[in-house]
Structure formats: structure tokens, C-alpha cells
């Protein structure tokens, strides 16, 4: 169990996250979607807290929210905040 993990900032080049990778990470609050990520396995974020958010590029937000594979997390998907 990953009880101390709070946020994930992936480096460029990561293309896949396997099934159940962050299963029941109770303190996980955010995941910054890296460029080039092609696959996130089923239940990758299952059991994360309600405050958990997935940050992806702004131009992809609507397509992810409408994709059936992401319906469990649709209310948690947000655009990556713009840098000041």
C-alpha cells in the first residue's frame, strides 16, 4: 500500500501505467498526465480519495471526460493549471 504517496509528477517518456498501480493510495491527491501517455490500466486509481484529481492538457479534457474508459474519473479530470 502506498500510504505516503500524495502526488505523481511523471517524467516525459512514460507511455503506460499498469492496472491497479495506485490501488487504494488513500493519500493520493493529484496525477499530472505526462505527454506521450498512451494507456492507463483498469482500476489504476481505484480507491483513491474523493479529492484526487487527474490533470491533463486543456485541449484533451473534454475528450477524456466523454470517454467511457474514464467515466469513473470524469468528475476528477481537470486541465493542467497554466504556469504564471
N, C-alpha and C. Protein backbone atom coordinates (compact mmCIF):
# COMPACT_ATOMS: atom_id res chain seq x y z
N UNK A 1 0.85 -1.18 0.00
CA UNK A 1 0.00 0.00 0.00
C UNK A 1 0.88 1.23 0.00
N UNK A 2 0.43 2.27 -0.63
CA UNK A 2 1.23 3.49 -0.80
C UNK A 2 0.69 4.62 0.08
N UNK A 3 0.72 4.44 1.35
CA UNK A 3 0.08 5.38 2.27
C UNK A 3 0.73 6.76 2.32
N UNK A 4 1.99 6.89 1.93
CA UNK A 4 2.66 8.19 1.98
C UNK A 4 2.65 8.94 0.66
N UNK A 5 2.22 8.31 -0.41
CA UNK A 5 2.22 8.94 -1.73
C UNK A 5 1.09 9.97 -1.82
N UNK A 6 1.42 11.22 -2.16
CA UNK A 6 0.42 12.29 -2.21
C UNK A 6 0.16 12.80 -3.63
N UNK A 7 1.20 12.89 -4.44
CA UNK A 7 1.02 13.35 -5.81
C UNK A 7 2.02 12.67 -6.72
N UNK A 8 1.69 12.66 -8.03
CA UNK A 8 2.54 11.99 -9.00
C UNK A 8 2.84 12.97 -10.12
N UNK A 9 4.10 13.19 -10.39
CA UNK A 9 4.56 14.02 -11.49
C UNK A 9 5.48 13.17 -12.34
N UNK A 10 4.92 12.57 -13.39
CA UNK A 10 5.67 11.65 -14.24
C UNK A 10 6.63 12.37 -15.16
N UNK A 11 7.79 11.79 -15.39
CA UNK A 11 8.72 12.36 -16.38
C UNK A 11 8.24 12.06 -17.79
N UNK A 12 8.73 12.81 -18.73
CA UNK A 12 8.42 12.53 -20.14
C UNK A 12 8.92 11.14 -20.48
N UNK A 13 8.23 10.49 -21.41
CA UNK A 13 8.66 9.18 -21.85
C UNK A 13 7.87 8.02 -21.28
N UNK A 14 7.10 8.27 -20.21
CA UNK A 14 6.26 7.21 -19.66
C UNK A 14 5.07 7.05 -20.61
N UNK A 15 4.84 5.84 -21.09
CA UNK A 15 3.76 5.62 -22.05
C UNK A 15 2.61 4.79 -21.51
N UNK A 16 2.81 4.13 -20.36
CA UNK A 16 1.76 3.25 -19.84
C UNK A 16 1.81 3.17 -18.32
N UNK A 17 0.65 3.09 -17.72
CA UNK A 17 0.51 2.83 -16.29
C UNK A 17 -0.31 1.55 -16.18
N UNK A 18 0.22 0.59 -15.51
CA UNK A 18 -0.41 -0.72 -15.45
C UNK A 18 -1.64 -0.75 -14.54
N UNK A 19 -2.43 -1.76 -14.72
CA UNK A 19 -3.65 -1.99 -13.95
C UNK A 19 -3.34 -1.96 -12.44
N UNK A 20 -4.20 -1.26 -11.71
CA UNK A 20 -4.16 -1.21 -10.24
C UNK A 20 -2.88 -0.62 -9.66
N UNK A 21 -2.12 0.13 -10.43
CA UNK A 21 -0.85 0.67 -9.98
C UNK A 21 -0.99 1.48 -8.69
N UNK A 22 -2.02 2.30 -8.59
CA UNK A 22 -2.19 3.15 -7.41
C UNK A 22 -3.44 2.76 -6.61
N UNK A 23 -3.76 1.50 -6.67
CA UNK A 23 -4.94 0.96 -5.99
C UNK A 23 -4.89 1.29 -4.50
N UNK A 24 -5.93 1.96 -4.04
CA UNK A 24 -6.10 2.31 -2.63
C UNK A 24 -4.98 3.17 -2.06
N UNK A 25 -4.45 4.05 -2.86
CA UNK A 25 -3.49 5.04 -2.35
C UNK A 25 -4.32 6.14 -1.70
N UNK A 26 -4.60 5.98 -0.44
CA UNK A 26 -5.57 6.81 0.28
C UNK A 26 -5.18 8.27 0.44
N UNK A 27 -3.92 8.61 0.29
CA UNK A 27 -3.49 10.00 0.43
C UNK A 27 -3.16 10.67 -0.90
N UNK A 28 -3.33 9.94 -1.99
CA UNK A 28 -3.02 10.48 -3.31
C UNK A 28 -4.03 11.57 -3.68
N UNK A 29 -3.52 12.75 -4.02
CA UNK A 29 -4.42 13.88 -4.34
C UNK A 29 -4.34 14.32 -5.79
N UNK A 30 -3.22 14.04 -6.50
CA UNK A 30 -3.15 14.51 -7.88
C UNK A 30 -2.19 13.67 -8.72
N UNK A 31 -2.47 13.70 -10.01
CA UNK A 31 -1.67 13.00 -11.01
C UNK A 31 -1.53 13.93 -12.20
N UNK A 32 -0.30 14.33 -12.52
CA UNK A 32 -0.05 15.16 -13.70
C UNK A 32 0.22 14.24 -14.88
N UNK A 33 -0.64 14.31 -15.86
CA UNK A 33 -0.63 13.48 -17.05
C UNK A 33 0.56 13.84 -17.92
N UNK A 34 1.54 12.95 -18.12
CA UNK A 34 2.70 13.29 -18.94
C UNK A 34 2.37 13.25 -20.43
N UNK A 35 3.06 14.07 -21.20
CA UNK A 35 2.94 13.99 -22.65
C UNK A 35 3.37 12.60 -23.08
N UNK A 36 2.64 12.02 -24.00
CA UNK A 36 3.00 10.72 -24.52
C UNK A 36 2.37 9.54 -23.80
N UNK A 37 1.65 9.78 -22.71
CA UNK A 37 0.99 8.69 -22.02
C UNK A 37 -0.12 8.15 -22.90
N UNK A 38 -0.06 6.87 -23.21
CA UNK A 38 -1.00 6.26 -24.15
C UNK A 38 -2.01 5.34 -23.47
N UNK A 39 -1.66 4.79 -22.32
CA UNK A 39 -2.54 3.82 -21.71
C UNK A 39 -2.50 3.92 -20.18
N UNK A 40 -3.68 3.88 -19.59
CA UNK A 40 -3.80 3.76 -18.15
C UNK A 40 -4.68 2.54 -17.91
N UNK A 41 -4.13 1.56 -17.23
CA UNK A 41 -4.83 0.31 -17.00
C UNK A 41 -6.05 0.46 -16.10
N UNK A 42 -6.94 -0.51 -16.20
CA UNK A 42 -8.16 -0.53 -15.40
C UNK A 42 -7.81 -0.43 -13.92
N UNK A 43 -8.64 0.29 -13.21
CA UNK A 43 -8.53 0.44 -11.76
C UNK A 43 -7.20 1.04 -11.31
N UNK A 44 -6.51 1.74 -12.20
CA UNK A 44 -5.22 2.32 -11.84
C UNK A 44 -5.32 3.24 -10.64
N UNK A 45 -6.46 3.94 -10.51
CA UNK A 45 -6.63 4.88 -9.40
C UNK A 45 -7.80 4.49 -8.50
N UNK A 46 -8.21 3.25 -8.57
CA UNK A 46 -9.34 2.77 -7.76
C UNK A 46 -9.03 2.93 -6.27
N UNK A 47 -10.01 3.45 -5.54
CA UNK A 47 -9.85 3.59 -4.10
C UNK A 47 -9.10 4.83 -3.66
N UNK A 48 -8.81 5.74 -4.59
CA UNK A 48 -8.17 7.00 -4.20
C UNK A 48 -9.24 7.91 -3.58
N UNK A 49 -8.83 8.90 -2.79
CA UNK A 49 -9.80 9.75 -2.12
C UNK A 49 -10.59 10.64 -3.09
N UNK A 50 -11.72 11.13 -2.64
CA UNK A 50 -12.57 11.99 -3.47
C UNK A 50 -11.85 13.25 -3.94
N UNK A 51 -10.88 13.71 -3.20
CA UNK A 51 -10.15 14.94 -3.58
C UNK A 51 -9.12 14.69 -4.68
N UNK A 52 -8.90 13.44 -5.05
CA UNK A 52 -7.94 13.08 -6.09
C UNK A 52 -8.33 13.70 -7.43
N UNK A 53 -7.36 14.29 -8.15
CA UNK A 53 -7.58 14.91 -9.45
C UNK A 53 -6.56 14.40 -10.45
N UNK A 54 -7.02 14.27 -11.70
CA UNK A 54 -6.14 13.91 -12.81
C UNK A 54 -5.99 15.15 -13.66
N UNK A 55 -4.77 15.65 -13.80
CA UNK A 55 -4.50 16.86 -14.58
C UNK A 55 -3.95 16.47 -15.94
N UNK A 56 -4.66 16.91 -16.99
CA UNK A 56 -4.25 16.61 -18.36
C UNK A 56 -4.24 17.90 -19.17
N UNK A 57 -3.62 17.91 -20.35
CA UNK A 57 -3.61 19.11 -21.17
C UNK A 57 -5.04 19.61 -21.45
N UNK A 58 -5.22 20.91 -21.39
CA UNK A 58 -6.55 21.53 -21.52
C UNK A 58 -7.30 21.10 -22.77
N UNK A 59 -6.60 20.92 -23.88
CA UNK A 59 -7.27 20.56 -25.12
C UNK A 59 -7.79 19.12 -25.13
N UNK A 60 -7.44 18.33 -24.13
CA UNK A 60 -7.88 16.93 -24.06
C UNK A 60 -8.95 16.68 -22.99
N UNK A 61 -9.25 17.67 -22.17
CA UNK A 61 -10.17 17.48 -21.05
C UNK A 61 -11.52 16.93 -21.49
N UNK A 62 -12.16 17.56 -22.46
CA UNK A 62 -13.49 17.12 -22.89
C UNK A 62 -13.48 15.70 -23.45
N UNK A 63 -12.47 15.37 -24.25
CA UNK A 63 -12.43 14.03 -24.83
C UNK A 63 -12.24 12.97 -23.76
N UNK A 64 -11.48 13.26 -22.72
CA UNK A 64 -11.32 12.29 -21.64
C UNK A 64 -12.59 12.17 -20.81
N UNK A 65 -13.24 13.28 -20.53
CA UNK A 65 -14.47 13.23 -19.74
C UNK A 65 -15.58 12.47 -20.46
N UNK A 66 -15.56 12.48 -21.78
CA UNK A 66 -16.59 11.81 -22.58
C UNK A 66 -16.23 10.36 -22.90
N UNK A 67 -15.01 9.95 -22.65
CA UNK A 67 -14.56 8.60 -22.98
C UNK A 67 -15.06 7.61 -21.92
N UNK A 68 -15.72 6.53 -22.36
CA UNK A 68 -16.29 5.57 -21.42
C UNK A 68 -15.25 4.98 -20.47
N UNK A 69 -14.03 4.84 -20.90
CA UNK A 69 -12.99 4.26 -20.06
C UNK A 69 -12.62 5.15 -18.87
N UNK A 70 -12.95 6.44 -18.99
CA UNK A 70 -12.63 7.39 -17.93
C UNK A 70 -13.86 7.82 -17.14
N UNK A 71 -15.01 7.23 -17.40
CA UNK A 71 -16.24 7.71 -16.77
C UNK A 71 -16.16 7.68 -15.24
N UNK A 72 -15.45 6.75 -14.67
CA UNK A 72 -15.30 6.69 -13.21
C UNK A 72 -14.60 7.93 -12.67
N UNK A 73 -13.72 8.50 -13.47
CA UNK A 73 -12.93 9.65 -13.02
C UNK A 73 -13.33 10.96 -13.67
N UNK A 74 -14.42 10.99 -14.42
CA UNK A 74 -14.80 12.18 -15.19
C UNK A 74 -14.89 13.43 -14.34
N UNK A 75 -15.42 13.31 -13.14
CA UNK A 75 -15.56 14.49 -12.28
C UNK A 75 -14.24 14.89 -11.63
N UNK A 76 -13.19 14.11 -11.84
CA UNK A 76 -11.89 14.41 -11.26
C UNK A 76 -10.88 14.91 -12.29
N UNK A 77 -11.26 14.94 -13.55
CA UNK A 77 -10.36 15.35 -14.63
C UNK A 77 -10.40 16.88 -14.76
N UNK A 78 -9.21 17.47 -14.73
CA UNK A 78 -9.06 18.92 -14.83
C UNK A 78 -7.90 19.26 -15.75
N UNK A 79 -7.93 20.48 -16.27
CA UNK A 79 -6.83 20.94 -17.12
C UNK A 79 -5.60 21.23 -16.25
N UNK A 80 -4.44 20.93 -16.81
CA UNK A 80 -3.20 21.29 -16.12
C UNK A 80 -3.20 22.80 -15.93
N UNK A 81 -3.02 23.28 -14.71
CA UNK A 81 -3.03 24.73 -14.49
C UNK A 81 -1.93 25.42 -15.30
N UNK A 82 -2.29 26.57 -15.84
CA UNK A 82 -1.34 27.36 -16.63
C UNK A 82 -0.24 27.88 -15.70
N UNK A 83 0.98 27.87 -16.23
CA UNK A 83 2.09 28.41 -15.45
C UNK A 83 2.04 29.94 -15.48
N UNK A 84 2.38 30.56 -14.37
CA UNK A 84 2.33 32.05 -14.30
C UNK A 84 3.33 32.72 -15.20
